[in-house]
N, C-alpha and C. Protein backbone atom coordinates (compact mmCIF):
# COMPACT_ATOMS: atom_id res chain seq x y z
N MET A 1 -12.79 104.49 72.54
CA MET A 1 -13.68 103.96 71.53
C MET A 1 -12.93 103.58 70.26
N ALA A 2 -11.79 104.22 70.04
CA ALA A 2 -10.99 103.87 68.86
C ALA A 2 -10.53 102.42 68.95
N LEU A 3 -10.24 101.95 70.16
CA LEU A 3 -9.80 100.57 70.33
C LEU A 3 -10.90 99.59 69.89
N LEU A 4 -12.15 99.87 70.24
CA LEU A 4 -13.25 99.00 69.82
C LEU A 4 -13.39 98.97 68.30
N THR A 5 -13.22 100.13 67.68
CA THR A 5 -13.32 100.21 66.22
C THR A 5 -12.20 99.42 65.56
N ILE A 6 -10.99 99.58 66.06
CA ILE A 6 -9.85 98.86 65.49
C ILE A 6 -10.00 97.35 65.72
N LEU A 7 -10.46 96.97 66.88
CA LEU A 7 -10.68 95.54 67.18
C LEU A 7 -11.74 94.96 66.25
N SER A 8 -12.80 95.71 66.02
CA SER A 8 -13.84 95.27 65.09
C SER A 8 -13.26 95.07 63.69
N PHE A 9 -12.42 96.02 63.26
CA PHE A 9 -11.79 95.92 61.95
C PHE A 9 -10.89 94.69 61.86
N VAL A 10 -10.10 94.46 62.88
CA VAL A 10 -9.18 93.32 62.89
C VAL A 10 -9.97 92.01 62.82
N ILE A 11 -11.04 91.90 63.58
CA ILE A 11 -11.87 90.69 63.56
C ILE A 11 -12.49 90.50 62.18
N ALA A 12 -12.99 91.57 61.59
CA ALA A 12 -13.59 91.48 60.25
C ALA A 12 -12.54 91.04 59.23
N PHE A 13 -11.38 91.68 59.26
CA PHE A 13 -10.31 91.35 58.32
C PHE A 13 -9.84 89.91 58.49
N LEU A 14 -9.64 89.49 59.74
CA LEU A 14 -9.17 88.13 60.00
C LEU A 14 -10.15 87.08 59.51
N GLY A 15 -11.45 87.34 59.65
CA GLY A 15 -12.45 86.39 59.17
C GLY A 15 -12.35 86.17 57.67
N VAL A 16 -12.24 87.25 56.92
CA VAL A 16 -12.11 87.14 55.46
C VAL A 16 -10.75 86.54 55.09
N PHE A 17 -9.70 86.93 55.82
CA PHE A 17 -8.36 86.41 55.55
C PHE A 17 -8.30 84.90 55.77
N ILE A 18 -8.84 84.44 56.88
CA ILE A 18 -8.83 83.00 57.19
C ILE A 18 -9.60 82.22 56.13
N TYR A 19 -10.78 82.73 55.76
CA TYR A 19 -11.55 82.07 54.70
C TYR A 19 -10.75 82.01 53.41
N SER A 20 -10.15 83.13 53.02
CA SER A 20 -9.39 83.20 51.77
C SER A 20 -8.18 82.27 51.80
N TYR A 21 -7.51 82.20 52.93
CA TYR A 21 -6.35 81.34 53.08
C TYR A 21 -6.74 79.87 52.94
N LYS A 22 -7.83 79.48 53.62
CA LYS A 22 -8.27 78.09 53.58
C LYS A 22 -8.79 77.68 52.20
N ASN A 23 -9.46 78.61 51.50
CA ASN A 23 -10.08 78.28 50.22
C ASN A 23 -9.26 78.73 49.01
N LYS A 24 -8.15 79.39 49.27
CA LYS A 24 -7.25 79.86 48.21
C LYS A 24 -7.90 80.86 47.26
N GLU A 25 -8.95 81.54 47.71
CA GLU A 25 -9.59 82.60 46.94
C GLU A 25 -10.45 83.45 47.86
N LEU A 26 -10.74 84.65 47.40
CA LEU A 26 -11.64 85.52 48.15
C LEU A 26 -13.07 84.97 48.08
N PRO A 27 -13.87 85.20 49.12
CA PRO A 27 -15.27 84.79 49.02
C PRO A 27 -16.02 85.71 48.06
N LYS A 28 -17.14 85.25 47.54
CA LYS A 28 -17.95 86.09 46.65
C LYS A 28 -18.61 87.22 47.44
N SER A 29 -18.93 86.94 48.68
CA SER A 29 -19.51 87.94 49.58
C SER A 29 -19.31 87.45 51.00
N VAL A 30 -19.59 88.31 51.95
CA VAL A 30 -19.50 87.89 53.35
C VAL A 30 -20.53 86.80 53.63
N SER A 31 -21.73 86.96 53.08
CA SER A 31 -22.78 85.97 53.30
C SER A 31 -22.45 84.62 52.69
N SER A 32 -21.75 84.61 51.56
CA SER A 32 -21.44 83.34 50.91
C SER A 32 -20.55 82.47 51.79
N MET A 33 -19.81 83.10 52.69
CA MET A 33 -18.91 82.35 53.56
C MET A 33 -19.68 81.40 54.47
N VAL A 34 -20.82 81.83 54.98
CA VAL A 34 -21.57 81.01 55.93
C VAL A 34 -22.17 79.78 55.26
N TYR A 35 -22.57 79.91 54.00
CA TYR A 35 -23.24 78.80 53.35
C TYR A 35 -22.26 77.73 52.88
N GLU A 36 -20.98 77.97 53.06
CA GLU A 36 -19.98 76.94 52.77
C GLU A 36 -19.56 76.20 54.04
N LEU A 37 -20.09 76.63 55.18
CA LEU A 37 -19.81 75.96 56.45
C LEU A 37 -20.85 74.87 56.69
N SER A 38 -20.46 73.85 57.44
CA SER A 38 -21.44 72.82 57.81
C SER A 38 -22.45 73.43 58.78
N ASP A 39 -23.59 72.77 58.90
CA ASP A 39 -24.64 73.27 59.79
C ASP A 39 -24.14 73.45 61.22
N LYS A 40 -23.26 72.57 61.66
CA LYS A 40 -22.76 72.63 63.04
C LYS A 40 -21.76 73.75 63.26
N LYS A 41 -21.18 74.30 62.18
CA LYS A 41 -20.18 75.36 62.33
C LYS A 41 -20.71 76.75 61.96
N ARG A 42 -21.94 76.85 61.56
CA ARG A 42 -22.47 78.15 61.14
C ARG A 42 -22.52 79.15 62.28
N TRP A 43 -22.58 78.66 63.49
CA TRP A 43 -22.61 79.57 64.64
C TRP A 43 -21.33 80.41 64.71
N LEU A 44 -20.21 79.89 64.17
CA LEU A 44 -18.96 80.65 64.16
C LEU A 44 -19.09 81.91 63.31
N TRP A 45 -19.73 81.78 62.16
CA TRP A 45 -19.95 82.94 61.28
C TRP A 45 -20.87 83.95 61.97
N THR A 46 -21.92 83.43 62.63
CA THR A 46 -22.84 84.31 63.35
C THR A 46 -22.11 85.05 64.46
N ALA A 47 -21.30 84.36 65.23
CA ALA A 47 -20.53 85.00 66.30
C ALA A 47 -19.57 86.03 65.72
N TRP A 48 -19.00 85.74 64.58
CA TRP A 48 -18.09 86.67 63.90
C TRP A 48 -18.81 87.95 63.53
N ILE A 49 -19.96 87.83 62.88
CA ILE A 49 -20.75 89.01 62.49
C ILE A 49 -21.18 89.79 63.72
N TRP A 50 -21.67 89.10 64.73
CA TRP A 50 -22.13 89.78 65.94
C TRP A 50 -20.98 90.50 66.63
N SER A 51 -19.81 89.91 66.66
CA SER A 51 -18.68 90.58 67.32
C SER A 51 -18.24 91.82 66.54
N ILE A 52 -18.27 91.75 65.22
CA ILE A 52 -17.90 92.91 64.40
C ILE A 52 -18.80 94.10 64.73
N PHE A 53 -20.11 93.88 64.67
CA PHE A 53 -21.04 94.99 64.87
C PHE A 53 -21.30 95.29 66.35
N GLY A 54 -21.12 94.30 67.21
CA GLY A 54 -21.23 94.56 68.64
C GLY A 54 -20.13 95.49 69.14
N LEU A 55 -18.93 95.30 68.61
CA LEU A 55 -17.82 96.19 68.97
C LEU A 55 -17.92 97.55 68.30
N LEU A 56 -18.53 97.60 67.14
CA LEU A 56 -18.60 98.85 66.39
C LEU A 56 -19.75 99.76 66.83
N MET A 57 -20.79 99.18 67.41
CA MET A 57 -21.96 99.98 67.77
C MET A 57 -21.67 101.09 68.79
N PRO A 58 -20.97 100.83 69.90
CA PRO A 58 -20.72 101.93 70.85
C PRO A 58 -19.98 103.12 70.23
N PRO A 59 -18.90 102.89 69.45
CA PRO A 59 -18.26 104.06 68.83
C PRO A 59 -19.16 104.79 67.84
N MET A 60 -20.00 104.04 67.13
CA MET A 60 -20.93 104.71 66.20
C MET A 60 -21.91 105.58 66.97
N LEU A 61 -22.44 105.04 68.06
CA LEU A 61 -23.38 105.82 68.87
C LEU A 61 -22.70 107.06 69.46
N GLU A 62 -21.45 106.91 69.85
CA GLU A 62 -20.72 108.06 70.39
C GLU A 62 -20.52 109.13 69.31
N ARG A 63 -20.18 108.72 68.10
CA ARG A 63 -19.96 109.67 67.01
C ARG A 63 -21.23 110.40 66.61
N THR A 64 -22.37 109.74 66.74
CA THR A 64 -23.65 110.37 66.36
C THR A 64 -24.38 110.94 67.56
N ASN A 65 -23.70 111.06 68.69
CA ASN A 65 -24.31 111.56 69.91
C ASN A 65 -25.01 112.90 69.67
N GLY A 66 -26.25 112.95 70.03
CA GLY A 66 -27.02 114.18 69.87
C GLY A 66 -27.60 114.37 68.48
N SER A 67 -27.26 113.49 67.56
CA SER A 67 -27.76 113.61 66.20
C SER A 67 -29.19 113.06 66.11
N ASP A 68 -29.97 113.66 65.24
CA ASP A 68 -31.32 113.15 65.00
C ASP A 68 -31.28 111.79 64.31
N TRP A 69 -30.14 111.44 63.74
CA TRP A 69 -29.99 110.20 62.98
C TRP A 69 -29.33 109.09 63.79
N GLN A 70 -29.18 109.28 65.08
CA GLN A 70 -28.51 108.29 65.92
C GLN A 70 -29.20 106.93 65.88
N PHE A 71 -30.49 106.92 65.71
CA PHE A 71 -31.22 105.65 65.67
C PHE A 71 -30.79 104.78 64.49
N LEU A 72 -30.19 105.39 63.46
CA LEU A 72 -29.74 104.61 62.31
C LEU A 72 -28.62 103.64 62.69
N CYS A 73 -27.78 104.04 63.62
CA CYS A 73 -26.70 103.14 64.07
C CYS A 73 -27.30 101.88 64.68
N PHE A 74 -28.29 102.08 65.53
CA PHE A 74 -28.96 100.93 66.14
C PHE A 74 -29.68 100.10 65.08
N LEU A 75 -30.38 100.75 64.16
CA LEU A 75 -31.13 100.05 63.12
C LEU A 75 -30.19 99.24 62.21
N MET A 76 -29.08 99.84 61.83
CA MET A 76 -28.11 99.13 60.98
C MET A 76 -27.55 97.91 61.72
N THR A 77 -27.18 98.10 62.98
CA THR A 77 -26.65 96.99 63.77
C THR A 77 -27.69 95.89 63.91
N ALA A 78 -28.94 96.27 64.14
CA ALA A 78 -30.02 95.28 64.26
C ALA A 78 -30.17 94.49 62.97
N CYS A 79 -30.10 95.17 61.84
CA CYS A 79 -30.19 94.47 60.54
C CYS A 79 -29.11 93.41 60.43
N PHE A 80 -27.87 93.78 60.78
CA PHE A 80 -26.76 92.83 60.63
C PHE A 80 -26.79 91.74 61.70
N VAL A 81 -27.33 92.03 62.88
CA VAL A 81 -27.46 90.99 63.91
C VAL A 81 -28.48 89.95 63.45
N PHE A 82 -29.62 90.39 62.94
CA PHE A 82 -30.62 89.44 62.45
C PHE A 82 -30.13 88.72 61.20
N CYS A 83 -29.41 89.44 60.35
CA CYS A 83 -28.82 88.83 59.17
C CYS A 83 -27.84 87.73 59.59
N GLY A 84 -27.10 87.98 60.65
CA GLY A 84 -26.16 86.99 61.16
C GLY A 84 -26.85 85.79 61.78
N ALA A 85 -28.05 85.97 62.30
CA ALA A 85 -28.76 84.88 62.95
C ALA A 85 -29.51 83.97 61.97
N TYR A 86 -29.91 84.48 60.84
CA TYR A 86 -30.72 83.70 59.90
C TYR A 86 -30.09 82.38 59.48
N PRO A 87 -28.79 82.32 59.19
CA PRO A 87 -28.23 81.02 58.79
C PRO A 87 -28.32 79.95 59.87
N LEU A 88 -28.54 80.35 61.12
CA LEU A 88 -28.68 79.36 62.19
C LEU A 88 -30.08 78.76 62.23
N VAL A 89 -31.07 79.54 61.85
CA VAL A 89 -32.45 79.06 61.92
C VAL A 89 -32.97 78.57 60.58
N ASN A 90 -32.38 79.01 59.51
CA ASN A 90 -32.81 78.59 58.18
C ASN A 90 -31.57 78.09 57.45
N LYS A 91 -31.54 76.84 57.14
CA LYS A 91 -30.33 76.22 56.59
C LYS A 91 -30.12 76.53 55.11
N GLU A 92 -31.12 77.02 54.43
CA GLU A 92 -31.00 77.34 53.01
C GLU A 92 -30.74 78.83 52.84
N LYS A 93 -30.20 79.19 51.68
CA LYS A 93 -30.07 80.61 51.36
C LYS A 93 -31.48 81.18 51.31
N ASN A 94 -31.68 82.34 51.93
CA ASN A 94 -33.04 82.84 52.00
C ASN A 94 -33.12 84.34 51.77
N LEU A 95 -34.29 84.74 51.36
CA LEU A 95 -34.56 86.13 51.02
C LEU A 95 -34.38 87.07 52.21
N ALA A 96 -34.87 86.66 53.38
CA ALA A 96 -34.80 87.54 54.56
C ALA A 96 -33.34 87.87 54.91
N HIS A 97 -32.46 86.89 54.82
CA HIS A 97 -31.04 87.11 55.12
C HIS A 97 -30.47 88.18 54.19
N TYR A 98 -30.69 88.02 52.90
CA TYR A 98 -30.13 88.96 51.93
C TYR A 98 -30.82 90.32 51.99
N LEU A 99 -32.11 90.33 52.24
CA LEU A 99 -32.85 91.58 52.34
C LEU A 99 -32.33 92.41 53.52
N LEU A 100 -32.11 91.76 54.66
CA LEU A 100 -31.56 92.47 55.82
C LEU A 100 -30.16 92.99 55.54
N ALA A 101 -29.36 92.21 54.80
CA ALA A 101 -28.01 92.67 54.46
C ALA A 101 -28.07 93.90 53.56
N TYR A 102 -28.95 93.89 52.57
CA TYR A 102 -29.08 95.04 51.67
C TYR A 102 -29.57 96.28 52.42
N ILE A 103 -30.58 96.08 53.26
CA ILE A 103 -31.11 97.21 54.04
C ILE A 103 -30.04 97.76 54.98
N GLY A 104 -29.29 96.86 55.64
CA GLY A 104 -28.20 97.29 56.51
C GLY A 104 -27.15 98.08 55.75
N GLY A 105 -26.84 97.64 54.54
CA GLY A 105 -25.86 98.35 53.71
C GLY A 105 -26.33 99.73 53.32
N ILE A 106 -27.59 99.85 52.97
CA ILE A 106 -28.16 101.16 52.61
C ILE A 106 -28.16 102.08 53.83
N ILE A 107 -28.54 101.54 54.97
CA ILE A 107 -28.53 102.34 56.20
C ILE A 107 -27.11 102.77 56.54
N CYS A 108 -26.14 101.91 56.28
CA CYS A 108 -24.73 102.24 56.54
C CYS A 108 -24.33 103.50 55.79
N PHE A 109 -24.80 103.63 54.55
CA PHE A 109 -24.53 104.83 53.76
C PHE A 109 -25.00 106.07 54.51
N PHE A 110 -26.20 106.01 55.10
CA PHE A 110 -26.74 107.16 55.82
C PHE A 110 -26.06 107.39 57.17
N VAL A 111 -25.59 106.30 57.79
CA VAL A 111 -24.82 106.44 59.04
C VAL A 111 -23.54 107.21 58.75
N VAL A 112 -22.84 106.82 57.68
CA VAL A 112 -21.60 107.51 57.31
C VAL A 112 -21.92 108.97 56.99
N LYS A 113 -22.98 109.20 56.24
CA LYS A 113 -23.38 110.57 55.90
C LYS A 113 -23.67 111.39 57.15
N SER A 114 -24.31 110.77 58.14
CA SER A 114 -24.66 111.52 59.35
C SER A 114 -23.44 111.82 60.22
N ILE A 115 -22.41 110.98 60.14
CA ILE A 115 -21.20 111.22 60.93
C ILE A 115 -20.30 112.22 60.22
N ASN A 116 -19.94 111.91 58.98
CA ASN A 116 -19.11 112.82 58.19
C ASN A 116 -19.21 112.40 56.73
N ALA A 117 -19.95 113.16 55.96
CA ALA A 117 -20.23 112.81 54.57
C ALA A 117 -18.98 112.72 53.71
N TRP A 118 -17.90 113.35 54.12
CA TRP A 118 -16.66 113.30 53.33
C TRP A 118 -16.15 111.87 53.16
N PHE A 119 -16.46 111.00 54.10
CA PHE A 119 -15.97 109.62 54.01
C PHE A 119 -16.73 108.79 52.98
N LEU A 120 -17.77 109.37 52.42
CA LEU A 120 -18.43 108.71 51.29
C LEU A 120 -17.56 108.76 50.04
N LEU A 121 -16.53 109.59 50.08
CA LEU A 121 -15.60 109.66 48.95
C LEU A 121 -14.81 108.37 48.77
N THR A 122 -14.83 107.49 49.76
CA THR A 122 -14.16 106.20 49.58
C THR A 122 -14.77 105.44 48.41
N TRP A 123 -15.99 105.78 48.03
CA TRP A 123 -16.61 105.14 46.87
C TRP A 123 -15.90 105.52 45.58
N GLY A 124 -15.02 106.52 45.65
CA GLY A 124 -14.19 106.85 44.50
C GLY A 124 -13.23 105.72 44.14
N ILE A 125 -12.99 104.83 45.08
CA ILE A 125 -12.17 103.65 44.80
C ILE A 125 -12.79 102.86 43.66
N TRP A 126 -14.12 102.80 43.64
CA TRP A 126 -14.83 102.08 42.57
C TRP A 126 -14.61 102.75 41.21
N VAL A 127 -14.57 104.07 41.21
CA VAL A 127 -14.32 104.79 39.97
C VAL A 127 -12.93 104.44 39.45
N PHE A 128 -11.93 104.47 40.33
CA PHE A 128 -10.57 104.12 39.94
C PHE A 128 -10.50 102.66 39.48
N TYR A 129 -11.11 101.77 40.22
CA TYR A 129 -11.12 100.33 39.88
C TYR A 129 -11.71 100.12 38.49
N SER A 130 -12.85 100.73 38.23
CA SER A 130 -13.50 100.59 36.91
C SER A 130 -12.65 101.19 35.81
N PHE A 131 -12.09 102.36 36.08
CA PHE A 131 -11.23 103.02 35.09
C PHE A 131 -9.99 102.16 34.80
N ALA A 132 -9.38 101.62 35.85
CA ALA A 132 -8.18 100.81 35.67
C ALA A 132 -8.48 99.57 34.83
N LEU A 133 -9.61 98.92 35.10
CA LEU A 133 -9.94 97.72 34.34
C LEU A 133 -10.20 98.03 32.87
N MET A 134 -10.71 99.22 32.58
CA MET A 134 -11.00 99.58 31.19
C MET A 134 -9.78 100.18 30.49
N ALA A 135 -9.10 101.10 31.14
CA ALA A 135 -8.06 101.87 30.47
C ALA A 135 -6.71 101.16 30.43
N TRP A 136 -6.40 100.43 31.48
CA TRP A 136 -5.08 99.82 31.57
C TRP A 136 -5.16 98.29 31.53
N ASN A 137 -6.09 97.76 30.75
CA ASN A 137 -6.35 96.32 30.79
C ASN A 137 -5.19 95.45 30.30
N LYS A 138 -4.14 96.05 29.77
CA LYS A 138 -2.97 95.27 29.33
C LYS A 138 -1.86 95.25 30.39
N LYS A 139 -1.96 96.10 31.38
CA LYS A 139 -0.94 96.17 32.43
C LYS A 139 -1.04 94.90 33.30
N PRO A 140 0.09 94.31 33.67
CA PRO A 140 0.06 93.08 34.48
C PRO A 140 -0.67 93.25 35.81
N TRP A 141 -0.49 94.38 36.49
CA TRP A 141 -1.15 94.56 37.78
C TRP A 141 -2.66 94.68 37.63
N VAL A 142 -3.13 95.22 36.50
CA VAL A 142 -4.57 95.33 36.27
C VAL A 142 -5.14 93.96 35.91
N VAL A 143 -4.42 93.20 35.14
CA VAL A 143 -4.85 91.83 34.82
C VAL A 143 -4.95 91.01 36.10
N TRP A 144 -3.93 91.13 36.96
CA TRP A 144 -3.94 90.42 38.24
C TRP A 144 -5.13 90.86 39.10
N LEU A 145 -5.35 92.17 39.19
CA LEU A 145 -6.48 92.70 39.97
C LEU A 145 -7.80 92.19 39.42
N GLY A 146 -7.94 92.20 38.11
CA GLY A 146 -9.17 91.71 37.49
C GLY A 146 -9.39 90.23 37.75
N CYS A 147 -8.30 89.45 37.75
CA CYS A 147 -8.41 88.00 37.98
C CYS A 147 -8.84 87.68 39.41
N ILE A 148 -8.24 88.33 40.38
CA ILE A 148 -8.58 87.99 41.78
C ILE A 148 -9.94 88.55 42.20
N THR A 149 -10.43 89.56 41.50
CA THR A 149 -11.72 90.15 41.88
C THR A 149 -12.86 89.74 40.95
N LEU A 150 -12.58 88.91 39.97
CA LEU A 150 -13.62 88.45 39.06
C LEU A 150 -14.71 87.74 39.85
N ASP A 151 -15.92 88.18 39.68
CA ASP A 151 -17.09 87.60 40.36
C ASP A 151 -17.09 87.85 41.87
N LYS A 152 -16.36 88.87 42.32
CA LYS A 152 -16.28 89.21 43.74
C LYS A 152 -16.80 90.62 44.01
N GLU A 153 -17.62 91.14 43.11
CA GLU A 153 -18.06 92.53 43.22
C GLU A 153 -18.85 92.79 44.50
N VAL A 154 -19.64 91.82 44.94
CA VAL A 154 -20.42 92.01 46.17
C VAL A 154 -19.48 92.16 47.36
N LEU A 155 -18.45 91.32 47.43
CA LEU A 155 -17.47 91.44 48.52
C LEU A 155 -16.78 92.79 48.47
N LEU A 156 -16.44 93.26 47.28
CA LEU A 156 -15.78 94.56 47.16
C LEU A 156 -16.70 95.70 47.61
N ILE A 157 -17.97 95.61 47.31
CA ILE A 157 -18.93 96.62 47.76
C ILE A 157 -19.06 96.57 49.28
N GLU A 158 -19.14 95.36 49.84
CA GLU A 158 -19.22 95.22 51.29
C GLU A 158 -17.96 95.77 51.96
N ALA A 159 -16.81 95.49 51.38
CA ALA A 159 -15.55 95.99 51.94
C ALA A 159 -15.49 97.50 51.87
N ASN A 160 -15.94 98.07 50.77
CA ASN A 160 -15.94 99.53 50.62
C ASN A 160 -16.91 100.17 51.62
N MET A 161 -18.06 99.54 51.81
CA MET A 161 -19.04 100.05 52.77
C MET A 161 -18.42 100.07 54.17
N MET A 162 -17.76 98.98 54.55
CA MET A 162 -17.17 98.91 55.88
C MET A 162 -15.97 99.84 56.00
N LEU A 163 -15.21 100.00 54.93
CA LEU A 163 -14.08 100.94 54.96
C LEU A 163 -14.57 102.35 55.25
N SER A 164 -15.61 102.78 54.56
CA SER A 164 -16.13 104.13 54.80
C SER A 164 -16.66 104.25 56.23
N LEU A 165 -17.29 103.19 56.73
CA LEU A 165 -17.82 103.22 58.10
C LEU A 165 -16.69 103.26 59.13
N TYR A 166 -15.70 102.39 58.98
CA TYR A 166 -14.58 102.39 59.92
C TYR A 166 -13.84 103.73 59.92
N LEU A 167 -13.58 104.27 58.74
CA LEU A 167 -12.85 105.53 58.66
C LEU A 167 -13.64 106.68 59.30
N CYS A 168 -14.94 106.74 59.04
CA CYS A 168 -15.70 107.86 59.61
C CYS A 168 -15.87 107.70 61.12
N VAL A 169 -15.96 106.47 61.61
CA VAL A 169 -16.06 106.29 63.06
C VAL A 169 -14.72 106.61 63.74
N LEU A 170 -13.62 106.26 63.09
CA LEU A 170 -12.31 106.56 63.66
C LEU A 170 -11.94 108.05 63.58
N PHE A 171 -12.21 108.65 62.43
CA PHE A 171 -11.70 110.00 62.18
C PHE A 171 -12.77 111.06 61.96
N GLY A 172 -14.05 110.64 61.98
CA GLY A 172 -15.15 111.56 61.67
C GLY A 172 -15.33 112.59 62.68
């Protein structure tokens, strides 16, 4: 099951990397990537999202085996599958797409908690990030970090959410 988790991570990372390489900047969010594709290519983003969560669901279910909260893994995956499908049926940015993404993200928090709550400590990265931007704002590496992440907070939250999920599924 570790192989499926690692493969899911690699696919997720490569998708963001390819987008960033082609556009010379990080996307504002995972969802923003799809709305920059032509209508005929949006299925690629949908297949990307489906493959990420399709590969991740079996290891999540295995980690929560016997747990009363096991249904959350399925519910979270369902949210992201439907979220991935919306850009194919609705060509405009829409409320249902974003609502499903937010609900899936909130459920992800509880999935991580149900597997191993210690991995929620990855959110401490945000504390360090915020502290660094305030306290060391004259340091070149902090200026660089602030520049590349300016207006990318949603992507950073999504990345942190997935980091905590991948870590708890691998090591929980």
